[in-house]
N, C-alpha and C. Protein backbone atom coordinates (compact mmCIF):
# COMPACT_ATOMS: atom_id res chain seq x y z
N MET A 1 -12.49 -13.56 -19.37
CA MET A 1 -11.89 -12.22 -19.44
C MET A 1 -12.82 -11.16 -18.83
N ILE A 2 -14.13 -11.29 -19.09
CA ILE A 2 -15.09 -10.33 -18.54
C ILE A 2 -15.07 -10.38 -17.01
N LEU A 3 -14.97 -11.59 -16.47
CA LEU A 3 -14.93 -11.75 -15.01
C LEU A 3 -13.71 -11.05 -14.44
N GLU A 4 -12.55 -11.27 -15.05
CA GLU A 4 -11.31 -10.68 -14.56
C GLU A 4 -11.36 -9.16 -14.63
N VAL A 5 -11.86 -8.63 -15.74
CA VAL A 5 -11.96 -7.18 -15.89
C VAL A 5 -12.93 -6.60 -14.87
N GLY A 6 -14.03 -7.31 -14.64
CA GLY A 6 -15.00 -6.86 -13.65
C GLY A 6 -14.40 -6.77 -12.27
N PHE A 7 -13.63 -7.79 -11.88
CA PHE A 7 -12.98 -7.77 -10.58
C PHE A 7 -11.95 -6.63 -10.51
N ALA A 8 -11.25 -6.39 -11.61
CA ALA A 8 -10.25 -5.31 -11.63
C ALA A 8 -10.92 -3.95 -11.44
N VAL A 9 -12.05 -3.74 -12.09
CA VAL A 9 -12.78 -2.48 -11.94
C VAL A 9 -13.27 -2.32 -10.50
N LEU A 10 -13.83 -3.39 -9.94
CA LEU A 10 -14.29 -3.34 -8.55
C LEU A 10 -13.12 -3.09 -7.60
N ALA A 11 -11.98 -3.70 -7.90
CA ALA A 11 -10.79 -3.50 -7.06
C ALA A 11 -10.34 -2.04 -7.12
N TYR A 12 -10.34 -1.47 -8.31
CA TYR A 12 -9.95 -0.06 -8.45
C TYR A 12 -10.90 0.83 -7.65
N LEU A 13 -12.20 0.57 -7.74
CA LEU A 13 -13.18 1.38 -7.01
C LEU A 13 -13.02 1.22 -5.50
N ALA A 14 -12.74 -0.01 -5.06
CA ALA A 14 -12.49 -0.24 -3.63
C ALA A 14 -11.24 0.51 -3.19
N GLY A 15 -10.19 0.42 -4.00
CA GLY A 15 -8.95 1.13 -3.68
C GLY A 15 -9.13 2.63 -3.66
N SER A 16 -10.10 3.12 -4.44
CA SER A 16 -10.33 4.56 -4.55
C SER A 16 -11.01 5.16 -3.33
N ILE A 17 -11.50 4.32 -2.43
CA ILE A 17 -12.11 4.87 -1.20
C ILE A 17 -11.02 5.63 -0.44
N PRO A 18 -11.11 6.94 -0.34
CA PRO A 18 -10.03 7.76 0.26
C PRO A 18 -10.13 7.79 1.79
N THR A 19 -9.74 6.72 2.40
CA THR A 19 -9.92 6.55 3.84
C THR A 19 -9.38 7.73 4.64
N ALA A 20 -8.13 8.08 4.39
CA ALA A 20 -7.49 9.16 5.16
C ALA A 20 -8.19 10.49 4.94
N VAL A 21 -8.57 10.76 3.70
CA VAL A 21 -9.23 12.03 3.38
C VAL A 21 -10.58 12.12 4.08
N TRP A 22 -11.38 11.08 3.96
CA TRP A 22 -12.71 11.10 4.57
C TRP A 22 -12.63 11.11 6.09
N TYR A 23 -11.71 10.34 6.66
CA TYR A 23 -11.57 10.31 8.12
C TYR A 23 -11.20 11.70 8.65
N ALA A 24 -10.20 12.32 8.03
CA ALA A 24 -9.74 13.63 8.48
C ALA A 24 -10.84 14.68 8.33
N LYS A 25 -11.58 14.60 7.25
CA LYS A 25 -12.66 15.57 7.03
C LYS A 25 -13.81 15.35 8.01
N LEU A 26 -14.17 14.08 8.24
CA LEU A 26 -15.31 13.77 9.10
C LEU A 26 -15.03 14.05 10.57
N PHE A 27 -13.87 13.65 11.06
CA PHE A 27 -13.60 13.74 12.50
C PHE A 27 -12.75 14.94 12.91
N HIS A 28 -12.06 15.56 11.94
CA HIS A 28 -11.17 16.66 12.29
C HIS A 28 -11.41 17.91 11.46
N GLY A 29 -12.25 17.82 10.45
CA GLY A 29 -12.60 18.99 9.65
C GLY A 29 -11.46 19.54 8.82
N ILE A 30 -10.50 18.68 8.45
CA ILE A 30 -9.37 19.14 7.64
C ILE A 30 -9.17 18.25 6.43
N ASP A 31 -8.43 18.74 5.46
CA ASP A 31 -7.99 17.93 4.33
C ASP A 31 -6.58 17.46 4.66
N ILE A 32 -6.42 16.19 4.95
CA ILE A 32 -5.13 15.64 5.37
C ILE A 32 -4.04 15.90 4.34
N ARG A 33 -4.44 16.09 3.08
CA ARG A 33 -3.47 16.32 2.01
C ARG A 33 -2.87 17.71 2.07
N GLU A 34 -3.42 18.57 2.92
CA GLU A 34 -2.88 19.92 3.09
C GLU A 34 -2.01 20.02 4.35
N HIS A 35 -1.72 18.91 4.97
CA HIS A 35 -0.95 18.92 6.22
C HIS A 35 0.17 17.88 6.15
N GLY A 36 1.20 18.11 6.94
CA GLY A 36 2.30 17.15 7.01
C GLY A 36 2.96 16.93 5.67
N SER A 37 3.08 15.67 5.31
CA SER A 37 3.72 15.32 4.03
C SER A 37 2.80 15.54 2.84
N GLY A 38 1.50 15.76 3.12
CA GLY A 38 0.54 15.92 2.03
C GLY A 38 0.05 14.60 1.49
N ASN A 39 0.47 13.51 2.11
CA ASN A 39 0.08 12.19 1.63
C ASN A 39 -1.19 11.72 2.31
N ALA A 40 -2.11 11.16 1.52
CA ALA A 40 -3.38 10.67 2.07
C ALA A 40 -3.24 9.20 2.45
N GLY A 41 -2.43 8.95 3.47
CA GLY A 41 -2.19 7.58 3.89
C GLY A 41 -2.11 7.45 5.40
N ALA A 42 -1.80 6.24 5.84
CA ALA A 42 -1.80 5.94 7.27
C ALA A 42 -0.69 6.67 8.03
N THR A 43 0.49 6.76 7.45
CA THR A 43 1.61 7.38 8.16
C THR A 43 1.36 8.86 8.42
N ASN A 44 0.90 9.57 7.40
CA ASN A 44 0.62 10.99 7.58
C ASN A 44 -0.55 11.20 8.53
N SER A 45 -1.53 10.30 8.47
CA SER A 45 -2.66 10.39 9.41
C SER A 45 -2.18 10.20 10.84
N LEU A 46 -1.26 9.26 11.02
CA LEU A 46 -0.70 9.01 12.35
C LEU A 46 0.05 10.24 12.86
N ARG A 47 0.86 10.83 12.01
CA ARG A 47 1.66 11.97 12.41
C ARG A 47 0.81 13.19 12.74
N ILE A 48 -0.22 13.42 11.94
CA ILE A 48 -1.02 14.64 12.08
C ILE A 48 -2.20 14.46 13.03
N LEU A 49 -2.87 13.32 12.95
CA LEU A 49 -4.12 13.13 13.68
C LEU A 49 -4.01 12.19 14.88
N GLY A 50 -2.93 11.44 14.98
CA GLY A 50 -2.74 10.57 16.13
C GLY A 50 -2.92 9.10 15.83
N LYS A 51 -2.72 8.29 16.87
CA LYS A 51 -2.68 6.83 16.72
C LYS A 51 -4.01 6.25 16.26
N LYS A 52 -5.12 6.75 16.82
CA LYS A 52 -6.42 6.22 16.44
C LYS A 52 -6.66 6.39 14.95
N ALA A 53 -6.37 7.57 14.45
CA ALA A 53 -6.54 7.83 13.02
C ALA A 53 -5.61 6.97 12.19
N GLY A 54 -4.35 6.89 12.62
CA GLY A 54 -3.37 6.12 11.86
C GLY A 54 -3.73 4.65 11.77
N ILE A 55 -4.15 4.07 12.88
CA ILE A 55 -4.51 2.65 12.89
C ILE A 55 -5.77 2.41 12.07
N THR A 56 -6.76 3.29 12.21
CA THR A 56 -8.00 3.14 11.46
C THR A 56 -7.76 3.19 9.96
N VAL A 57 -7.00 4.18 9.53
CA VAL A 57 -6.68 4.32 8.11
C VAL A 57 -5.88 3.12 7.61
N LEU A 58 -4.91 2.68 8.41
CA LEU A 58 -4.09 1.53 8.03
C LEU A 58 -4.94 0.29 7.80
N VAL A 59 -5.81 -0.02 8.75
CA VAL A 59 -6.63 -1.24 8.65
C VAL A 59 -7.57 -1.18 7.46
N ILE A 60 -8.26 -0.06 7.28
CA ILE A 60 -9.21 0.04 6.17
C ILE A 60 -8.48 0.01 4.83
N ASP A 61 -7.33 0.68 4.75
CA ASP A 61 -6.57 0.66 3.50
C ASP A 61 -6.06 -0.75 3.18
N MET A 62 -5.71 -1.50 4.19
CA MET A 62 -5.32 -2.90 3.96
C MET A 62 -6.51 -3.72 3.45
N ILE A 63 -7.66 -3.52 4.04
CA ILE A 63 -8.87 -4.24 3.62
C ILE A 63 -9.19 -3.93 2.17
N LYS A 64 -8.95 -2.69 1.75
CA LYS A 64 -9.21 -2.29 0.36
C LYS A 64 -8.40 -3.15 -0.61
N GLY A 65 -7.21 -3.55 -0.21
CA GLY A 65 -6.40 -4.41 -1.05
C GLY A 65 -6.71 -5.87 -0.89
N PHE A 66 -6.99 -6.27 0.36
CA PHE A 66 -7.21 -7.69 0.66
C PHE A 66 -8.52 -8.21 0.08
N LEU A 67 -9.60 -7.49 0.32
CA LEU A 67 -10.93 -8.01 0.00
C LEU A 67 -11.14 -8.29 -1.49
N PRO A 68 -10.78 -7.39 -2.40
CA PRO A 68 -10.98 -7.70 -3.82
C PRO A 68 -10.22 -8.95 -4.28
N VAL A 69 -9.00 -9.11 -3.77
CA VAL A 69 -8.19 -10.27 -4.16
C VAL A 69 -8.77 -11.54 -3.55
N PHE A 70 -9.20 -11.46 -2.30
CA PHE A 70 -9.81 -12.62 -1.66
C PHE A 70 -11.07 -13.06 -2.39
N LEU A 71 -11.92 -12.11 -2.74
CA LEU A 71 -13.15 -12.44 -3.47
C LEU A 71 -12.82 -13.01 -4.84
N ALA A 72 -11.82 -12.44 -5.49
CA ALA A 72 -11.43 -12.94 -6.81
C ALA A 72 -10.91 -14.37 -6.72
N SER A 73 -10.26 -14.70 -5.60
CA SER A 73 -9.70 -16.05 -5.43
C SER A 73 -10.79 -17.12 -5.38
N LEU A 74 -12.02 -16.72 -5.09
CA LEU A 74 -13.13 -17.67 -5.06
C LEU A 74 -13.55 -18.10 -6.46
N TYR A 75 -13.14 -17.32 -7.46
CA TYR A 75 -13.56 -17.58 -8.84
C TYR A 75 -12.40 -17.73 -9.81
N ILE A 76 -11.23 -17.22 -9.43
CA ILE A 76 -10.09 -17.19 -10.35
C ILE A 76 -8.94 -17.96 -9.72
N ASP A 77 -8.44 -18.97 -10.42
CA ASP A 77 -7.36 -19.81 -9.89
C ASP A 77 -5.98 -19.21 -10.10
N GLU A 78 -5.78 -18.53 -11.20
CA GLU A 78 -4.44 -18.06 -11.56
C GLU A 78 -3.98 -16.97 -10.59
N ILE A 79 -2.87 -17.24 -9.90
CA ILE A 79 -2.40 -16.32 -8.87
C ILE A 79 -1.95 -15.00 -9.47
N HIS A 80 -1.37 -15.03 -10.67
CA HIS A 80 -0.89 -13.79 -11.26
C HIS A 80 -2.05 -12.88 -11.67
N ILE A 81 -3.18 -13.47 -12.07
CA ILE A 81 -4.36 -12.67 -12.40
C ILE A 81 -4.90 -12.00 -11.14
N ARG A 82 -4.94 -12.77 -10.05
CA ARG A 82 -5.41 -12.20 -8.78
C ARG A 82 -4.48 -11.07 -8.33
N PHE A 83 -3.19 -11.24 -8.57
CA PHE A 83 -2.22 -10.22 -8.21
C PHE A 83 -2.46 -8.95 -9.02
N LEU A 84 -2.75 -9.11 -10.31
CA LEU A 84 -3.05 -7.96 -11.16
C LEU A 84 -4.30 -7.23 -10.67
N ILE A 85 -5.29 -7.99 -10.25
CA ILE A 85 -6.50 -7.40 -9.70
C ILE A 85 -6.16 -6.59 -8.45
N GLY A 86 -5.26 -7.15 -7.64
CA GLY A 86 -4.82 -6.43 -6.46
C GLY A 86 -4.11 -5.13 -6.79
N ILE A 87 -3.31 -5.16 -7.84
CA ILE A 87 -2.60 -3.94 -8.25
C ILE A 87 -3.60 -2.87 -8.69
N ALA A 88 -4.73 -3.30 -9.27
CA ALA A 88 -5.77 -2.34 -9.63
C ALA A 88 -6.27 -1.60 -8.38
N ALA A 89 -6.36 -2.32 -7.26
CA ALA A 89 -6.76 -1.69 -5.99
C ALA A 89 -5.69 -0.69 -5.53
N VAL A 90 -4.43 -1.06 -5.70
CA VAL A 90 -3.34 -0.16 -5.32
C VAL A 90 -3.37 1.11 -6.17
N VAL A 91 -3.60 0.95 -7.46
CA VAL A 91 -3.70 2.10 -8.35
C VAL A 91 -4.88 2.98 -7.93
N GLY A 92 -5.98 2.35 -7.52
CA GLY A 92 -7.12 3.11 -7.03
C GLY A 92 -6.76 3.94 -5.80
N HIS A 93 -5.97 3.36 -4.91
CA HIS A 93 -5.54 4.09 -3.72
C HIS A 93 -4.66 5.28 -4.10
N ILE A 94 -3.79 5.08 -5.07
CA ILE A 94 -2.87 6.13 -5.49
C ILE A 94 -3.60 7.22 -6.28
N LEU A 95 -4.52 6.78 -7.15
CA LEU A 95 -5.28 7.71 -8.00
C LEU A 95 -6.77 7.49 -7.78
N PRO A 96 -7.29 7.91 -6.63
CA PRO A 96 -8.68 7.62 -6.29
C PRO A 96 -9.68 8.49 -7.04
N VAL A 97 -10.61 7.85 -7.70
CA VAL A 97 -11.63 8.57 -8.46
C VAL A 97 -12.54 9.38 -7.55
N PHE A 98 -12.65 8.98 -6.27
CA PHE A 98 -13.57 9.64 -5.36
C PHE A 98 -12.98 10.88 -4.67
N SER A 99 -11.72 11.17 -4.90
CA SER A 99 -11.13 12.36 -4.26
C SER A 99 -10.13 13.05 -5.19
N GLY A 100 -10.55 13.26 -6.41
CA GLY A 100 -9.76 14.06 -7.34
C GLY A 100 -8.45 13.45 -7.77
N PHE A 101 -8.33 12.12 -7.69
CA PHE A 101 -7.14 11.39 -8.13
C PHE A 101 -5.89 11.82 -7.35
N ARG A 102 -6.09 12.25 -6.11
CA ARG A 102 -4.97 12.58 -5.22
C ARG A 102 -5.04 11.67 -4.00
N GLY A 103 -4.27 10.60 -4.03
CA GLY A 103 -4.34 9.61 -2.96
C GLY A 103 -3.03 9.42 -2.23
N GLY A 104 -2.84 8.21 -1.73
CA GLY A 104 -1.65 7.88 -0.97
C GLY A 104 -0.59 7.21 -1.83
N LYS A 105 0.35 6.58 -1.17
CA LYS A 105 1.47 5.96 -1.87
C LYS A 105 1.31 4.46 -2.07
N GLY A 106 0.27 3.88 -1.49
CA GLY A 106 -0.08 2.51 -1.82
C GLY A 106 0.48 1.41 -0.95
N ILE A 107 1.20 1.76 0.12
CA ILE A 107 1.85 0.72 0.91
C ILE A 107 0.85 -0.15 1.67
N ALA A 108 -0.07 0.45 2.40
CA ALA A 108 -1.03 -0.34 3.20
C ALA A 108 -1.92 -1.19 2.30
N THR A 109 -2.38 -0.61 1.20
CA THR A 109 -3.21 -1.37 0.27
C THR A 109 -2.41 -2.51 -0.36
N SER A 110 -1.15 -2.26 -0.66
CA SER A 110 -0.29 -3.32 -1.19
C SER A 110 -0.13 -4.44 -0.18
N LEU A 111 0.00 -4.09 1.09
CA LEU A 111 0.12 -5.11 2.12
C LEU A 111 -1.13 -5.98 2.16
N GLY A 112 -2.30 -5.37 2.01
CA GLY A 112 -3.53 -6.15 1.96
C GLY A 112 -3.55 -7.10 0.79
N VAL A 113 -3.08 -6.63 -0.36
CA VAL A 113 -3.00 -7.48 -1.55
C VAL A 113 -2.05 -8.65 -1.30
N ILE A 114 -0.88 -8.34 -0.77
CA ILE A 114 0.12 -9.37 -0.49
C ILE A 114 -0.41 -10.39 0.50
N LEU A 115 -1.13 -9.93 1.50
CA LEU A 115 -1.71 -10.83 2.49
C LEU A 115 -2.67 -11.81 1.84
N ALA A 116 -3.43 -11.35 0.87
CA ALA A 116 -4.37 -12.22 0.17
C ALA A 116 -3.67 -13.15 -0.81
N ILE A 117 -2.56 -12.70 -1.37
CA ILE A 117 -1.83 -13.50 -2.35
C ILE A 117 -0.99 -14.58 -1.67
N TYR A 118 -0.21 -14.18 -0.68
CA TYR A 118 0.73 -15.11 -0.04
C TYR A 118 0.98 -14.65 1.40
N PRO A 119 0.18 -15.12 2.35
CA PRO A 119 0.25 -14.64 3.74
C PRO A 119 1.64 -14.72 4.37
N LEU A 120 2.36 -15.81 4.11
CA LEU A 120 3.70 -15.93 4.69
C LEU A 120 4.61 -14.82 4.16
N GLY A 121 4.48 -14.53 2.89
CA GLY A 121 5.26 -13.44 2.31
C GLY A 121 4.92 -12.11 2.94
N ALA A 122 3.62 -11.92 3.24
CA ALA A 122 3.19 -10.69 3.90
C ALA A 122 3.81 -10.58 5.29
N LEU A 123 3.84 -11.70 6.01
CA LEU A 123 4.42 -11.71 7.35
C LEU A 123 5.90 -11.35 7.31
N ILE A 124 6.62 -11.94 6.38
CA ILE A 124 8.05 -11.66 6.25
C ILE A 124 8.26 -10.19 5.90
N SER A 125 7.43 -9.66 5.01
CA SER A 125 7.54 -8.25 4.61
C SER A 125 7.30 -7.34 5.80
N VAL A 126 6.31 -7.67 6.62
CA VAL A 126 6.02 -6.86 7.80
C VAL A 126 7.20 -6.89 8.78
N ILE A 127 7.82 -8.05 8.93
CA ILE A 127 8.98 -8.18 9.81
C ILE A 127 10.13 -7.31 9.30
N VAL A 128 10.37 -7.35 7.99
CA VAL A 128 11.41 -6.52 7.38
C VAL A 128 11.11 -5.04 7.63
N PHE A 129 9.85 -4.67 7.44
CA PHE A 129 9.43 -3.29 7.67
C PHE A 129 9.68 -2.88 9.12
N ALA A 130 9.23 -3.71 10.05
CA ALA A 130 9.34 -3.38 11.47
C ALA A 130 10.80 -3.25 11.91
N ILE A 131 11.64 -4.17 11.46
CA ILE A 131 13.06 -4.11 11.82
C ILE A 131 13.71 -2.86 11.25
N THR A 132 13.41 -2.56 9.97
CA THR A 132 14.01 -1.41 9.32
C THR A 132 13.60 -0.10 9.99
N VAL A 133 12.31 0.04 10.26
CA VAL A 133 11.83 1.26 10.90
C VAL A 133 12.33 1.35 12.34
N GLY A 134 12.37 0.20 13.03
CA GLY A 134 12.87 0.19 14.40
C GLY A 134 14.30 0.66 14.49
N ILE A 135 15.11 0.29 13.50
CA ILE A 135 16.53 0.67 13.53
C ILE A 135 16.76 2.07 12.98
N SER A 136 16.13 2.36 11.82
CA SER A 136 16.42 3.61 11.11
C SER A 136 15.45 4.74 11.44
N ARG A 137 14.21 4.40 11.86
CA ARG A 137 13.13 5.35 12.09
C ARG A 137 12.62 5.97 10.78
N TYR A 138 12.97 5.37 9.65
CA TYR A 138 12.48 5.85 8.36
C TYR A 138 11.38 4.92 7.85
N VAL A 139 10.13 5.41 7.85
CA VAL A 139 9.02 4.60 7.36
C VAL A 139 9.17 4.33 5.86
N SER A 140 9.63 5.32 5.12
CA SER A 140 9.78 5.15 3.68
C SER A 140 10.79 4.05 3.35
N LEU A 141 11.89 4.02 4.06
CA LEU A 141 12.90 2.99 3.83
C LEU A 141 12.35 1.62 4.19
N GLY A 142 11.63 1.54 5.31
CA GLY A 142 11.01 0.28 5.70
C GLY A 142 10.02 -0.20 4.66
N SER A 143 9.23 0.71 4.11
CA SER A 143 8.24 0.35 3.10
C SER A 143 8.91 -0.19 1.84
N LEU A 144 9.96 0.49 1.41
CA LEU A 144 10.65 0.07 0.18
C LEU A 144 11.35 -1.27 0.36
N LEU A 145 12.00 -1.46 1.49
CA LEU A 145 12.69 -2.74 1.72
C LEU A 145 11.70 -3.88 1.90
N ALA A 146 10.54 -3.59 2.50
CA ALA A 146 9.51 -4.61 2.65
C ALA A 146 8.97 -5.03 1.29
N SER A 147 8.74 -4.07 0.40
CA SER A 147 8.24 -4.40 -0.93
C SER A 147 9.30 -5.13 -1.75
N LEU A 148 10.56 -4.77 -1.56
CA LEU A 148 11.65 -5.48 -2.22
C LEU A 148 11.73 -6.92 -1.70
N ALA A 149 11.55 -7.07 -0.39
CA ALA A 149 11.59 -8.40 0.22
C ALA A 149 10.51 -9.30 -0.38
N PHE A 150 9.32 -8.75 -0.59
CA PHE A 150 8.25 -9.58 -1.15
C PHE A 150 8.57 -9.97 -2.59
N PHE A 151 9.16 -9.06 -3.34
CA PHE A 151 9.55 -9.39 -4.71
C PHE A 151 10.56 -10.54 -4.72
N ILE A 152 11.52 -10.49 -3.82
CA ILE A 152 12.51 -11.56 -3.72
C ILE A 152 11.85 -12.87 -3.31
N ILE A 153 10.89 -12.77 -2.39
CA ILE A 153 10.15 -13.95 -1.95
C ILE A 153 9.43 -14.62 -3.12
N LEU A 154 8.84 -13.80 -3.99
CA LEU A 154 8.15 -14.36 -5.17
C LEU A 154 9.13 -15.12 -6.06
N ILE A 155 10.32 -14.57 -6.23
CA ILE A 155 11.33 -15.24 -7.07
C ILE A 155 11.71 -16.59 -6.47
N VAL A 156 11.87 -16.63 -5.15
CA VAL A 156 12.29 -17.86 -4.48
C VAL A 156 11.15 -18.87 -4.41
N ARG A 157 9.94 -18.39 -4.12
CA ARG A 157 8.81 -19.30 -3.90
C ARG A 157 8.16 -19.76 -5.21
N PHE A 158 8.13 -18.90 -6.21
CA PHE A 158 7.46 -19.23 -7.48
C PHE A 158 8.40 -19.03 -8.67
N PRO A 159 9.56 -19.70 -8.68
CA PRO A 159 10.54 -19.46 -9.75
C PRO A 159 10.04 -19.84 -11.14
N GLU A 160 9.03 -20.73 -11.18
CA GLU A 160 8.52 -21.18 -12.47
C GLU A 160 7.46 -20.25 -13.05
N ASN A 161 6.97 -19.32 -12.25
CA ASN A 161 5.88 -18.44 -12.69
C ASN A 161 6.45 -17.06 -13.04
N LEU A 162 6.96 -16.95 -14.28
CA LEU A 162 7.60 -15.71 -14.71
C LEU A 162 6.61 -14.55 -14.71
N PHE A 163 5.37 -14.80 -15.11
CA PHE A 163 4.36 -13.75 -15.15
C PHE A 163 4.14 -13.18 -13.75
N LEU A 164 4.04 -14.04 -12.77
CA LEU A 164 3.83 -13.59 -11.40
C LEU A 164 5.01 -12.75 -10.93
N ILE A 165 6.22 -13.19 -11.24
CA ILE A 165 7.41 -12.45 -10.84
C ILE A 165 7.44 -11.07 -11.50
N LEU A 166 7.02 -11.01 -12.76
CA LEU A 166 6.98 -9.72 -13.45
C LEU A 166 5.94 -8.79 -12.85
N VAL A 167 4.81 -9.36 -12.45
CA VAL A 167 3.78 -8.56 -11.78
C VAL A 167 4.32 -8.02 -10.45
N GLY A 168 5.02 -8.89 -9.72
CA GLY A 168 5.64 -8.46 -8.47
C GLY A 168 6.66 -7.36 -8.69
N LEU A 169 7.43 -7.48 -9.77
CA LEU A 169 8.40 -6.44 -10.11
C LEU A 169 7.67 -5.13 -10.42
N GLY A 170 6.55 -5.25 -11.15
CA GLY A 170 5.78 -4.07 -11.48
C GLY A 170 5.28 -3.35 -10.23
N LEU A 171 4.80 -4.11 -9.25
CA LEU A 171 4.32 -3.50 -8.01
C LEU A 171 5.48 -2.83 -7.28
N PHE A 172 6.61 -3.50 -7.20
CA PHE A 172 7.77 -2.92 -6.52
C PHE A 172 8.20 -1.61 -7.18
N LEU A 173 8.27 -1.60 -8.51
CA LEU A 173 8.68 -0.38 -9.22
C LEU A 173 7.66 0.73 -9.05
N LEU A 174 6.38 0.37 -9.00
CA LEU A 174 5.34 1.37 -8.77
C LEU A 174 5.52 2.02 -7.41
N LEU A 175 5.80 1.22 -6.40
CA LEU A 175 5.98 1.75 -5.05
C LEU A 175 7.25 2.59 -4.95
N VAL A 176 8.29 2.18 -5.66
CA VAL A 176 9.52 2.99 -5.69
C VAL A 176 9.23 4.34 -6.33
N PHE A 177 8.47 4.32 -7.43
CA PHE A 177 8.12 5.57 -8.10
C PHE A 177 7.33 6.49 -7.18
N MET A 178 6.39 5.91 -6.44
CA MET A 178 5.58 6.72 -5.52
C MET A 178 6.42 7.29 -4.37
N HIS A 179 7.55 6.67 -4.10
CA HIS A 179 8.42 7.13 -3.02
C HIS A 179 9.67 7.84 -3.57
N ARG A 180 9.61 8.30 -4.78
CA ARG A 180 10.80 8.88 -5.42
C ARG A 180 11.34 10.09 -4.65
N GLU A 181 10.44 10.93 -4.11
CA GLU A 181 10.91 12.08 -3.33
C GLU A 181 11.54 11.62 -2.01
N ASN A 182 10.97 10.57 -1.42
CA ASN A 182 11.55 10.01 -0.20
C ASN A 182 12.94 9.46 -0.46
N VAL A 183 13.10 8.81 -1.62
CA VAL A 183 14.40 8.25 -1.98
C VAL A 183 15.43 9.36 -2.10
N LYS A 184 15.03 10.47 -2.73
CA LYS A 184 15.95 11.60 -2.86
C LYS A 184 16.36 12.13 -1.49
N ARG A 185 15.37 12.24 -0.60
CA ARG A 185 15.68 12.75 0.75
C ARG A 185 16.54 11.76 1.53
N LEU A 186 16.29 10.47 1.33
CA LEU A 186 17.14 9.47 2.00
C LEU A 186 18.58 9.59 1.53
N ILE A 187 18.75 9.78 0.24
CA ILE A 187 20.10 9.92 -0.32
C ILE A 187 20.77 11.18 0.21
N ASN A 188 19.99 12.25 0.33
CA ASN A 188 20.54 13.53 0.80
C ASN A 188 20.64 13.63 2.31
N GLY A 189 20.06 12.64 3.01
CA GLY A 189 20.16 12.62 4.46
C GLY A 189 19.19 13.53 5.19
N ASN A 190 18.10 13.95 4.51
CA ASN A 190 17.15 14.84 5.17
C ASN A 190 15.72 14.29 5.14
N GLU A 191 15.60 12.98 5.09
CA GLU A 191 14.28 12.36 5.16
C GLU A 191 13.72 12.48 6.58
N ASN A 192 12.38 12.66 6.67
CA ASN A 192 11.74 12.78 7.97
C ASN A 192 11.73 11.42 8.68
N LYS A 193 12.08 11.44 9.95
CA LYS A 193 12.05 10.21 10.74
C LYS A 193 10.67 10.04 11.35
N PHE A 194 10.35 8.80 11.67
CA PHE A 194 9.02 8.47 12.19
C PHE A 194 8.78 9.08 13.56
N ALA A 195 7.63 9.73 13.68
CA ALA A 195 7.22 10.27 14.98
C ALA A 195 5.74 10.59 14.91
N SER A 196 5.02 10.24 15.94
CA SER A 196 3.60 10.58 16.05
C SER A 196 3.48 11.83 16.92
N LYS A 197 2.83 12.85 16.39
CA LYS A 197 2.72 14.11 17.12
C LYS A 197 1.54 14.13 18.08
N LYS A 198 0.61 13.18 17.91
CA LYS A 198 -0.58 13.17 18.76
C LYS A 198 -0.79 11.78 19.34
N PRO A 199 -1.43 11.71 20.50
CA PRO A 199 -1.67 10.40 21.12
C PRO A 199 -2.73 9.62 20.37
């Protein structure tokens, strides 16, 4: 139990690294949370600061989720425990201790966690995301459908592991909650479509 809790704490601290906030402050002298959607994540960084910023934030935020789970897998066999450790990283990204508990929505970090848990599931989720955004131009819709796809994948791939499925449901509901304003805008037809304002 001490080992698992230790990994969860480390995962939360890793997730708390505010990549978008620090990048924007270091290279552009701004607080990314005061611009665009106000979200400290890869999509807002892409829209406001350009492709280099967006890709950098995306990759580092994914690593924040992947690395703690990968390291935990070297010592912990139970997949649902590793998944819970990964969710601690996602919570860290959403509520980062290093930047006043104002973070992002957790999608990139969740993808890193999923990649460490079940790579094929991560690939399928990315495909769902890409197709959805390609057709609709809504990043929020793509993110939600990708997270839903992974939850369904868990049910199909691990039907005997109820705990794992419940953890997957918890992650999906957390991401839906973080996108609640996006959901309202999608329903009302005034959600922002994907566009990068800078090269």
